[in-house]
PDB file of N, CA and C in Angstrom:
ATOM      1  N   UNK A   1      92.592  88.169 101.877  1.00  0.00           N
ATOM      2  CA  UNK A   1      93.816  88.926 101.837  1.00  0.00           C
ATOM      3  C   UNK A   1      93.151  89.983 103.205  1.00  0.00           C
ATOM      4  N   UNK A   2      93.725  89.810 104.491  1.00  0.00           N
ATOM      5  CA  UNK A   2      93.768  90.928 105.625  1.00  0.00           C
ATOM      6  C   UNK A   2      93.504  91.896 105.449  1.00  0.00           C
ATOM      7  N   UNK A   3      92.764  93.058 106.365  1.00  0.00           N
ATOM      8  CA  UNK A   3      92.370  94.531 106.069  1.00  0.00           C
ATOM      9  C   UNK A   3      92.306  94.722 107.578  1.00  0.00           C
ATOM     10  N   UNK A   4      93.243  95.232 108.171  1.00  0.00           N
ATOM     11  CA  UNK A   4      93.047  95.934 109.771  1.00  0.00           C
ATOM     12  C   UNK A   4      92.330  97.044 109.422  1.00  0.00           C
ATOM     13  N   UNK A   5      91.511  97.209 110.335  1.00  0.00           N
ATOM     14  CA  UNK A   5      90.596  98.369 110.771  1.00  0.00           C
ATOM     15  C   UNK A   5      90.510  98.447 112.034  1.00  0.00           C
ATOM     16  N   UNK A   6      90.278  99.908 112.517  1.00  0.00           N
ATOM     17  CA  UNK A   6      90.722 100.464 113.873  1.00  0.00           C
ATOM     18  C   UNK A   6      90.293 102.113 113.875  1.00  0.00           C
ATOM     19  N   UNK A   7      90.246 102.651 115.282  1.00  0.00           N
ATOM     20  CA  UNK A   7      89.720 103.449 115.574  1.00  0.00           C
ATOM     21  C   UNK A   7      91.177 104.484 115.872  1.00  0.00           C
ATOM     22  N   UNK A   8      91.414 105.505 115.825  1.00  0.00           N
ATOM     23  CA  UNK A   8      92.108 106.092 116.237  1.00  0.00           C
ATOM     24  C   UNK A   8      91.710 107.879 117.074  1.00  0.00           C
ATOM     25  N   UNK A   9      92.399 108.167 117.766  1.00  0.00           N
ATOM     26  CA  UNK A   9      92.800 109.353 118.041  1.00  0.00           C
ATOM     27  C   UNK A   9      91.353 109.650 118.790  1.00  0.00           C
ATOM     28  N   UNK A  10      91.079 109.209 119.566  1.00  0.00           N
ATOM     29  CA  UNK A  10      90.174 108.720 120.587  1.00  0.00           C
ATOM     30  C   UNK A  10      88.723 108.602 120.083  1.00  0.00           C
ATOM     31  N   UNK A  11      88.583 108.035 118.663  1.00  0.00           N
ATOM     32  CA  UNK A  11      87.072 108.029 118.128  1.00  0.00           C
ATOM     33  C   UNK A  11      87.132 109.039 116.778  1.00  0.00           C
ATOM     34  N   UNK A  12      87.810 109.798 116.884  1.00  0.00           N
ATOM     35  CA  UNK A  12      87.775 110.771 116.303  1.00  0.00           C
ATOM     36  C   UNK A  12      87.816 110.429 114.041  1.00  0.00           C
ATOM     37  N   UNK A  13      89.106 109.399 114.081  1.00  0.00           N
ATOM     38  CA  UNK A  13      89.281 108.800 112.670  1.00  0.00           C
ATOM     39  C   UNK A  13      89.147 107.241 112.613  1.00  0.00           C
ATOM     40  N   UNK A  14      88.661 106.508 111.533  1.00  0.00           N
ATOM     41  CA  UNK A  14      88.897 105.188 111.869  1.00  0.00           C
ATOM     42  C   UNK A  14      89.982 105.163 110.713  1.00  0.00           C
ATOM     43  N   UNK A  15      90.962 103.827 111.314  1.00  0.00           N
ATOM     44  CA  UNK A  15      91.928 103.575 110.030  1.00  0.00           C
ATOM     45  C   UNK A  15      91.858 102.639 109.374  1.00  0.00           C
ATOM     46  N   UNK A  16      92.319 102.456 108.365  1.00  0.00           N
ATOM     47  CA  UNK A  16      92.275 101.423 107.080  1.00  0.00           C
ATOM     48  C   UNK A  16      93.431 100.752 106.846  1.00  0.00           C
ATOM     49  N   UNK A  17      93.938  99.619 106.808  1.00  0.00           N
ATOM     50  CA  UNK A  17      95.602  99.557 106.785  1.00  0.00           C
ATOM     51  C   UNK A  17      96.402 100.676 107.038  1.00  0.00           C
ATOM     52  N   UNK A  18      96.732 101.002 108.510  1.00  0.00           N
ATOM     53  CA  UNK A  18      96.890 102.193 109.114  1.00  0.00           C
ATOM     54  C   UNK A  18      97.061 103.789 108.502  1.00  0.00           C
ATOM     55  N   UNK A  19      96.292 103.887 107.769  1.00  0.00           N
ATOM     56  CA  UNK A  19      96.136 105.111 107.042  1.00  0.00           C
ATOM     57  C   UNK A  19      94.201 105.405 107.190  1.00  0.00           C
ATOM     58  N   UNK A  20      94.140 106.471 107.806  1.00  0.00           N
ATOM     59  CA  UNK A  20      92.955 107.628 108.290  1.00  0.00           C
ATOM     60  C   UNK A  20      92.183 107.222 107.184  1.00  0.00           C
ATOM     61  N   UNK A  21      91.233 107.050 107.184  1.00  0.00           N
ATOM     62  CA  UNK A  21      90.257 106.715 105.788  1.00  0.00           C
ATOM     63  C   UNK A  21      89.216 107.237 106.223  1.00  0.00           C
ATOM     64  N   UNK A  22      88.283 107.603 107.485  1.00  0.00           N
ATOM     65  CA  UNK A  22      86.754 108.117 107.446  1.00  0.00           C
ATOM     66  C   UNK A  22      86.827 108.955 109.064  1.00  0.00           C
ATOM     67  N   UNK A  23      86.599 110.519 108.989  1.00  0.00           N
ATOM     68  CA  UNK A  23      86.541 110.918 109.689  1.00  0.00           C
ATOM     69  C   UNK A  23      85.180 111.183 110.794  1.00  0.00           C
ATOM     70  N   UNK A  24      85.087 111.619 111.997  1.00  0.00           N
ATOM     71  CA  UNK A  24      83.977 111.781 112.535  1.00  0.00           C
ATOM     72  C   UNK A  24      82.879 113.221 112.213  1.00  0.00           C
ATOM     73  N   UNK A  25      83.762 113.986 111.367  1.00  0.00           N
ATOM     74  CA  UNK A  25      83.296 115.573 111.129  1.00  0.00           C
ATOM     75  C   UNK A  25      82.523 115.549 110.062  1.00  0.00           C
ATOM     76  N   UNK A  26      81.897 114.492 109.326  1.00  0.00           N
ATOM     77  CA  UNK A  26      80.854 114.385 108.579  1.00  0.00           C
ATOM     78  C   UNK A  26      79.320 114.591 108.805  1.00  0.00           C
ATOM     79  N   UNK A  27      78.295 114.913 108.150  1.00  0.00           N
ATOM     80  CA  UNK A  27      77.187 114.894 108.637  1.00  0.00           C
ATOM     81  C   UNK A  27      76.869 114.239 107.307  1.00  0.00           C
ATOM     82  N   UNK A  28      75.969 113.129 107.953  1.00  0.00           N
ATOM     83  CA  UNK A  28      75.116 112.141 107.053  1.00  0.00           C
ATOM     84  C   UNK A  28      73.683 112.282 106.821  1.00  0.00           C
ATOM     85  N   UNK A  29      72.978 112.104 105.797  1.00  0.00           N
ATOM     86  CA  UNK A  29      71.473 112.676 105.675  1.00  0.00           C
ATOM     87  C   UNK A  29      71.348 110.972 105.570  1.00  0.00           C
ATOM     88  N   UNK A  30      70.896 111.008 106.720  1.00  0.00           N
ATOM     89  CA  UNK A  30      69.791 109.398 107.004  1.00  0.00           C
ATOM     90  C   UNK A  30      68.219 109.327 106.522  1.00  0.00           C
ATOM     91  N   UNK A  31      67.948 108.800 105.496  1.00  0.00           N
ATOM     92  CA  UNK A  31      66.872 108.368 104.989  1.00  0.00           C
ATOM     93  C   UNK A  31      66.491 107.044 105.540  1.00  0.00           C
ATOM     94  N   UNK A  32      65.266 106.351 105.814  1.00  0.00           N
ATOM     95  CA  UNK A  32      64.483 105.142 105.977  1.00  0.00           C
ATOM     96  C   UNK A  32      65.295 104.441 107.058  1.00  0.00           C
ATOM     97  N   UNK A  33      65.830 105.785 108.219  1.00  0.00           N
ATOM     98  CA  UNK A  33      66.272 104.891 109.376  1.00  0.00           C
ATOM     99  C   UNK A  33      65.713 105.953 110.583  1.00  0.00           C
ATOM    100  N   UNK A  34      65.465 105.393 111.883  1.00  0.00           N
ATOM    101  CA  UNK A  34      64.713 105.535 113.037  1.00  0.00           C
ATOM    102  C   UNK A  34      65.729 105.930 114.034  1.00  0.00           C
ATOM    103  N   UNK A  35      66.160 107.110 113.216  1.00  0.00           N
ATOM    104  CA  UNK A  35      67.310 108.332 114.234  1.00  0.00           C
ATOM    105  C   UNK A  35      66.613 108.596 115.039  1.00  0.00           C
ATOM    106  N   UNK A  36      65.634 109.809 114.681  1.00  0.00           N
ATOM    107  CA  UNK A  36      64.599 110.820 115.384  1.00  0.00           C
ATOM    108  C   UNK A  36      63.484 110.985 114.085  1.00  0.00           C
ATOM    109  N   UNK A  37      62.419 112.313 114.707  1.00  0.00           N
ATOM    110  CA  UNK A  37      61.335 112.148 114.544  1.00  0.00           C
ATOM    111  C   UNK A  37      61.708 113.020 112.917  1.00  0.00           C
ATOM    112  N   UNK A  38      62.924 113.846 112.480  1.00  0.00           N
ATOM    113  CA  UNK A  38      62.882 114.206 111.467  1.00  0.00           C
ATOM    114  C   UNK A  38      62.807 113.623 110.438  1.00  0.00           C
ATOM    115  N   UNK A  39      62.136 113.763 108.728  1.00  0.00           N
ATOM    116  CA  UNK A  39      61.989 113.141 107.959  1.00  0.00           C
ATOM    117  C   UNK A  39      63.085 112.865 107.287  1.00  0.00           C
ATOM    118  N   UNK A  40      64.092 113.679 107.584  1.00  0.00           N
ATOM    119  CA  UNK A  40      65.555 113.256 106.976  1.00  0.00           C
ATOM    120  C   UNK A  40      66.146 113.321 108.395  1.00  0.00           C
ATOM    121  N   UNK A  41      66.899 112.953 109.240  1.00  0.00           N
ATOM    122  CA  UNK A  41      67.905 113.095 110.025  1.00  0.00           C
ATOM    123  C   UNK A  41      69.356 113.671 109.292  1.00  0.00           C
ATOM    124  N   UNK A  42      69.453 114.371 109.153  1.00  0.00           N
ATOM    125  CA  UNK A  42      70.957 115.174 109.273  1.00  0.00           C
ATOM    126  C   UNK A  42      71.891 115.539 110.444  1.00  0.00           C
ATOM    127  N   UNK A  43      72.827 113.865 110.460  1.00  0.00           N
ATOM    128  CA  UNK A  43      73.604 113.449 111.802  1.00  0.00           C
ATOM    129  C   UNK A  43      74.599 113.648 111.481  1.00  0.00           C
ATOM    130  N   UNK A  44      75.243 114.465 112.375  1.00  0.00           N
ATOM    131  CA  UNK A  44      76.580 114.389 112.442  1.00  0.00           C
ATOM    132  C   UNK A  44      77.589 114.054 113.344  1.00  0.00           C
ATOM    133  N   UNK A  45      77.970 112.919 112.661  1.00  0.00           N
ATOM    134  CA  UNK A  45      78.591 112.278 113.810  1.00  0.00           C
ATOM    135  C   UNK A  45      79.926 112.605 114.789  1.00  0.00           C
ATOM    136  N   UNK A  46      79.491 112.053 115.597  1.00  0.00           N
ATOM    137  CA  UNK A  46      80.520 113.050 116.677  1.00  0.00           C
ATOM    138  C   UNK A  46      81.797 111.917 117.054  1.00  0.00           C
ATOM    139  N   UNK A  47      81.430 110.510 117.150  1.00  0.00           N
ATOM    140  CA  UNK A  47      82.738 109.589 118.140  1.00  0.00           C
ATOM    141  C   UNK A  47      82.395 108.275 117.386  1.00  0.00           C
ATOM    142  N   UNK A  48      83.609 107.528 116.703  1.00  0.00           N
ATOM    143  CA  UNK A  48      83.229 106.694 116.564  1.00  0.00           C
ATOM    144  C   UNK A  48      83.876 105.529 118.044  1.00  0.00           C
ATOM    145  N   UNK A  49      83.252 104.558 118.472  1.00  0.00           N
ATOM    146  CA  UNK A  49      83.400 103.634 119.017  1.00  0.00           C
ATOM    147  C   UNK A  49      83.914 102.103 118.896  1.00  0.00           C
ATOM    148  N   UNK A  50      83.616 101.868 117.791  1.00  0.00           N
ATOM    149  CA  UNK A  50      83.257 100.437 117.395  1.00  0.00           C
ATOM    150  C   UNK A  50      84.191 100.481 115.701  1.00  0.00           C
ATOM    151  N   UNK A  51      84.663  99.410 115.424  1.00  0.00           N
ATOM    152  CA  UNK A  51      84.648  99.062 113.862  1.00  0.00           C
ATOM    153  C   UNK A  51      84.757  98.031 113.389  1.00  0.00           C
ATOM    154  N   UNK A  52      84.385  97.460 112.376  1.00  0.00           N
ATOM    155  CA  UNK A  52      84.203  95.939 111.595  1.00  0.00           C
ATOM    156  C   UNK A  52      83.915  95.738 110.354  1.00  0.00           C
ATOM    157  N   UNK A  53      84.430  94.636 109.869  1.00  0.00           N
ATOM    158  CA  UNK A  53      84.179  94.238 108.550  1.00  0.00           C
ATOM    159  C   UNK A  53      82.697  92.992 108.932  1.00  0.00           C
ATOM    160  N   UNK A  54      81.914  93.882 107.673  1.00  0.00           N
ATOM    161  CA  UNK A  54      80.594  92.508 107.755  1.00  0.00           C
ATOM    162  C   UNK A  54      80.268  92.501 106.356  1.00  0.00           C
ATOM    163  N   UNK A  55      80.182  91.412 105.697  1.00  0.00           N
ATOM    164  CA  UNK A  55      80.485  90.583 104.227  1.00  0.00           C
ATOM    165  C   UNK A  55      81.207  92.178 103.513  1.00  0.00           C
ATOM    166  N   UNK A  56      82.364  92.202 103.645  1.00  0.00           N
ATOM    167  CA  UNK A  56      82.792  93.215 102.754  1.00  0.00           C
ATOM    168  C   UNK A  56      82.603  94.885 102.542  1.00  0.00           C
ATOM    169  N   UNK A  57      82.108  94.785 104.139  1.00  0.00           N
ATOM    170  CA  UNK A  57      81.249  96.200 104.385  1.00  0.00           C
ATOM    171  C   UNK A  57      81.827  96.792 105.223  1.00  0.00           C
ATOM    172  N   UNK A  58      82.462  97.958 105.731  1.00  0.00           N
ATOM    173  CA  UNK A  58      83.116  98.698 106.954  1.00  0.00           C
ATOM    174  C   UNK A  58      82.101  99.245 107.821  1.00  0.00           C
ATOM    175  N   UNK A  59      82.434  98.750 109.013  1.00  0.00           N
ATOM    176  CA  UNK A  59      80.877  99.278 109.292  1.00  0.00           C
ATOM    177  C   UNK A  59      81.123 100.143 111.027  1.00  0.00           C
ATOM    178  N   UNK A  60      81.107 100.942 111.133  1.00  0.00           N
ATOM    179  CA  UNK A  60      81.312 100.970 112.791  1.00  0.00           C
ATOM    180  C   UNK A  60      80.200 101.711 114.020  1.00  0.00           C
ATOM    181  N   UNK A  61      80.157 101.868 114.819  1.00  0.00           N
ATOM    182  CA  UNK A  61      79.607 102.160 115.674  1.00  0.00           C
ATOM    183  C   UNK A  61      80.101 103.378 116.521  1.00  0.00           C
ATOM    184  N   UNK A  62      78.895 104.226 116.196  1.00  0.00           N
ATOM    185  CA  UNK A  62      79.006 105.686 116.415  1.00  0.00           C
ATOM    186  C   UNK A  62      77.791 106.412 117.378  1.00  0.00           C
ATOM    187  N   UNK A  63      78.638 107.646 117.533  1.00  0.00           N
ATOM    188  CA  UNK A  63      77.563 108.824 118.445  1.00  0.00           C
ATOM    189  C   UNK A  63      77.398 110.040 117.721  1.00  0.00           C
ATOM    190  N   UNK A  64      76.336 110.034 117.449  1.00  0.00           N
ATOM    191  CA  UNK A  64      75.979 111.609 116.269  1.00  0.00           C
ATOM    192  C   UNK A  64      74.470 111.967 117.033  1.00  0.00           C
ATOM    193  N   UNK A  65      74.501 113.336 116.581  1.00  0.00           N
ATOM    194  CA  UNK A  65      73.420 114.085 116.858  1.00  0.00           C
ATOM    195  C   UNK A  65      72.735 114.626 115.439  1.00  0.00           C
ATOM    196  N   UNK A  66      71.729 114.798 115.219  1.00  0.00           N
ATOM    197  CA  UNK A  66      70.474 115.497 114.492  1.00  0.00           C
ATOM    198  C   UNK A  66      71.469 116.927 114.589  1.00  0.00           C
ATOM    199  N   UNK A  67      71.395 117.642 113.320  1.00  0.00           N
ATOM    200  CA  UNK A  67      71.701 119.285 113.570  1.00  0.00           C
ATOM    201  C   UNK A  67      70.085 119.355 113.328  1.00  0.00           C
ATOM    202  N   UNK A  68      69.207 118.941 112.908  1.00  0.00           N
ATOM    203  CA  UNK A  68      68.056 119.803 112.757  1.00  0.00           C
ATOM    204  C   UNK A  68      67.250 119.972 114.064  1.00  0.00           C
ATOM    205  N   UNK A  69      66.904 118.730 114.887  1.00  0.00           N
ATOM    206  CA  UNK A  69      66.179 118.713 116.005  1.00  0.00           C
ATOM    207  C   UNK A  69      67.014 118.355 117.763  1.00  0.00           C
ATOM    208  N   UNK A  70      68.376 118.242 117.234  1.00  0.00           N
ATOM    209  CA  UNK A  70      69.555 118.141 118.478  1.00  0.00           C
ATOM    210  C   UNK A  70      69.102 116.848 119.145  1.00  0.00           C
ATOM    211  N   UNK A  71      68.690 116.019 118.286  1.00  0.00           N
ATOM    212  CA  UNK A  71      68.611 114.436 119.161  1.00  0.00           C
ATOM    213  C   UNK A  71      69.851 114.067 118.961  1.00  0.00           C
ATOM    214  N   UNK A  72      69.922 113.245 119.846  1.00  0.00           N
ATOM    215  CA  UNK A  72      71.540 112.323 119.828  1.00  0.00           C
ATOM    216  C   UNK A  72      71.461 111.195 120.612  1.00  0.00           C
ATOM    217  N   UNK A  73      72.202 110.189 119.512  1.00  0.00           N
ATOM    218  CA  UNK A  73      71.917 108.950 119.981  1.00  0.00           C
ATOM    219  C   UNK A  73      73.325 107.956 119.585  1.00  0.00           C
ATOM    220  N   UNK A  74      72.986 106.516 119.661  1.00  0.00           N
ATOM    221  CA  UNK A  74      74.432 105.869 118.785  1.00  0.00           C
ATOM    222  C   UNK A  74      73.467 105.053 118.156  1.00  0.00           C
ATOM    223  N   UNK A  75      74.494 104.359 116.613  1.00  0.00           N
ATOM    224  CA  UNK A  75      74.343 104.097 115.994  1.00  0.00           C
ATOM    225  C   UNK A  75      75.274 102.392 115.773  1.00  0.00           C
ATOM    226  N   UNK A  76      74.299 101.484 115.668  1.00  0.00           N
ATOM    227  CA  UNK A  76      75.545 100.246 116.006  1.00  0.00           C
ATOM    228  C   UNK A  76      75.689  99.977 114.038  1.00  0.00           C
ATOM    229  N   UNK A  77      76.922  99.171 114.235  1.00  0.00           N
ATOM    230  CA  UNK A  77      76.942  99.183 112.236  1.00  0.00           C
ATOM    231  C   UNK A  77      76.439  99.910 111.403  1.00  0.00           C
ATOM    232  N   UNK A  78      77.287 101.195 111.924  1.00  0.00           N
ATOM    233  CA  UNK A  78      76.528 101.917 110.562  1.00  0.00           C
ATOM    234  C   UNK A  78      77.346 102.145 109.103  1.00  0.00           C
ATOM    235  N   UNK A  79      77.155 101.908 108.357  1.00  0.00           N
ATOM    236  CA  UNK A  79      77.785 101.376 106.963  1.00  0.00           C
ATOM    237  C   UNK A  79      78.934 102.631 106.640  1.00  0.00           C
ATOM    238  N   UNK A  80      80.061 102.706 106.332  1.00  0.00           N
ATOM    239  CA  UNK A  80      80.838 103.883 105.633  1.00  0.00           C
ATOM    240  C   UNK A  80      81.771 103.988 104.531  1.00  0.00           C
ATOM    241  N   UNK A  81      81.614 102.092 104.048  1.00  0.00           N
ATOM    242  CA  UNK A  81      82.670 102.166 102.969  1.00  0.00           C
ATOM    243  C   UNK A  81      82.638 100.387 102.814  1.00  0.00           C
ATOM    244  N   UNK A  82      83.491  99.980 101.452  1.00  0.00           N
ATOM    245  CA  UNK A  82      83.298  99.066 101.136  1.00  0.00           C
ATOM    246  C   UNK A  82      85.157  98.672 100.831  1.00  0.00           C
ATOM    247  N   UNK A  83      85.049  97.381 101.000  1.00  0.00           N
ATOM    248  CA  UNK A  83      86.746  96.550 100.571  1.00  0.00           C
ATOM    249  C   UNK A  83      85.929  96.302  99.760  1.00  0.00           C
ATOM    250  N   UNK A  84      86.820  96.605  98.454  1.00  0.00           N
ATOM    251  CA  UNK A  84      87.090  95.605  97.100  1.00  0.00           C
ATOM    252  C   UNK A  84      88.180  95.389  96.589  1.00  0.00           C
ATOM    253  N   UNK A  85      88.394  93.939  96.158  1.00  0.00           N
ATOM    254  CA  UNK A  85      90.385  93.580  96.179  1.00  0.00           C
ATOM    255  C   UNK A  85      90.917  94.152  97.243  1.00  0.00           C
ATOM    256  N   UNK A  86      90.830  94.205  98.452  1.00  0.00           N
ATOM    257  CA  UNK A  86      91.855  94.566  99.637  1.00  0.00           C
ATOM    258  C   UNK A  86      92.050  96.033  99.325  1.00  0.00           C
ATOM    259  N   UNK A  87      91.339  96.627  98.786  1.00  0.00           N
ATOM    260  CA  UNK A  87      91.006  98.223  98.977  1.00  0.00           C
ATOM    261  C   UNK A  87      90.407  99.039  99.323  1.00  0.00           C
ATOM    262  N   UNK A  88      89.996  99.890 100.430  1.00  0.00           N
ATOM    263  CA  UNK A  88      88.782 100.530 101.068  1.00  0.00           C
ATOM    264  C   UNK A  88      88.410 102.271 100.075  1.00  0.00           C
ATOM    265  N   UNK A  89      86.886 101.634  99.680  1.00  0.00           N
ATOM    266  CA  UNK A  89      86.081 102.700  99.247  1.00  0.00           C
ATOM    267  C   UNK A  89      85.349 103.096  99.480  1.00  0.00           C
ATOM    268  N   UNK A  90      85.597 104.744 100.376  1.00  0.00           N
ATOM    269  CA  UNK A  90      84.039 105.116 101.349  1.00  0.00           C
ATOM    270  C   UNK A  90      83.123 105.752 100.629  1.00  0.00           C
ATOM    271  N   UNK A  91      82.272 105.228 101.557  1.00  0.00           N
ATOM    272  CA  UNK A  91      81.067 105.691 100.523  1.00  0.00           C
ATOM    273  C   UNK A  91      80.854 107.350 101.217  1.00  0.00           C
ATOM    274  N   UNK A  92      79.671 108.076 100.185  1.00  0.00           N
ATOM    275  CA  UNK A  92      79.649 109.675 100.425  1.00  0.00           C
ATOM    276  C   UNK A  92      79.216 110.610 101.464  1.00  0.00           C
ATOM    277  N   UNK A  93      79.557 110.869 102.488  1.00  0.00           N
ATOM    278  CA  UNK A  93      78.623 111.297 103.349  1.00  0.00           C
ATOM    279  C   UNK A  93      77.265 112.048 102.631  1.00  0.00           C
ATOM    280  N   UNK A  94      77.629 112.505 101.742  1.00  0.00           N
ATOM    281  CA  UNK A  94      76.354 113.095 100.856  1.00  0.00           C
ATOM    282  C   UNK A  94      75.135 112.524 100.286  1.00  0.00           C
ATOM    283  N   UNK A  95      75.514 111.231 100.513  1.00  0.00           N
ATOM    284  CA  UNK A  95      74.679 110.359  99.833  1.00  0.00           C
ATOM    285  C   UNK A  95      73.971 109.557 100.945  1.00  0.00           C
ATOM    286  N   UNK A  96      72.783 109.105 100.862  1.00  0.00           N
ATOM    287  CA  UNK A  96      71.573 109.000 101.688  1.00  0.00           C
ATOM    288  C   UNK A  96      72.119 108.006 102.047  1.00  0.00           C
ATOM    289  N   UNK A  97      72.018 107.122 103.047  1.00  0.00           N
ATOM    290  CA  UNK A  97      72.393 105.591 103.535  1.00  0.00           C
ATOM    291  C   UNK A  97      71.222 105.131 104.336  1.00  0.00           C
ATOM    292  N   UNK A  98      70.790 104.022 103.546  1.00  0.00           N
ATOM    293  CA  UNK A  98      69.404 103.524 103.623  1.00  0.00           C
ATOM    294  C   UNK A  98      70.045 102.252 104.441  1.00  0.00           C
ATOM    295  N   UNK A  99      69.790 102.510 105.781  1.00  0.00           N
ATOM    296  CA  UNK A  99      70.329 101.399 106.750  1.00  0.00           C
ATOM    297  C   UNK A  99      68.982 100.225 107.141  1.00  0.00           C
ATOM    298  N   UNK A 100      67.992 101.024 106.693  1.00  0.00           N
ATOM    299  CA  UNK A 100      67.028 100.159 107.099  1.00  0.00           C
ATOM    300  C   UNK A 100      66.184  99.821 105.414  1.00  0.00           C
ATOM    301  N   UNK A 101      65.274  98.882 105.360  1.00  0.00           N
ATOM    302  CA  UNK A 101      64.677  98.526 103.287  1.00  0.00           C
ATOM    303  C   UNK A 101      63.167  99.639 104.353  1.00  0.00           C
ATOM    304  N   UNK A 102      63.149 100.869 103.087  1.00  0.00           N
ATOM    305  CA  UNK A 102      61.530 101.201 103.444  1.00  0.00           C
ATOM    306  C   UNK A 102      60.170 100.402 103.573  1.00  0.00           C
ATOM    307  N   UNK A 103      59.517 100.766 104.446  1.00  0.00           N
ATOM    308  CA  UNK A 103      57.992  99.946 103.994  1.00  0.00           C
ATOM    309  C   UNK A 103      57.467 100.258 102.962  1.00  0.00           C
ATOM    310  N   UNK A 104      56.705  99.061 102.273  1.00  0.00           N
ATOM    311  CA  UNK A 104      55.958  98.872 101.251  1.00  0.00           C
ATOM    312  C   UNK A 104      54.691  98.953 101.434  1.00  0.00           C
TER     313      UNK A 104
END
């Protein structure tokens, strides 16, 4: 089953099957990700510059800023949801996104 994904409105939205699905205005608490020196980086996603699907996971390229320290950077392949049986299921921004496994 084909799922259409694209950016809309100059990077303000991610569209899934021609429907706005993810906004860039969410604050994502990132644990186990090397974004800045904060223990937990609370990152405001400012713009999306890419979107794709990687093994049923919707990933975006985004630019964000930590609201604690002000550090701004880009994040490639940031997971925002999954495709299950042809339908998009968004991850909640309030959930910690573990993009890198913690060191043991």
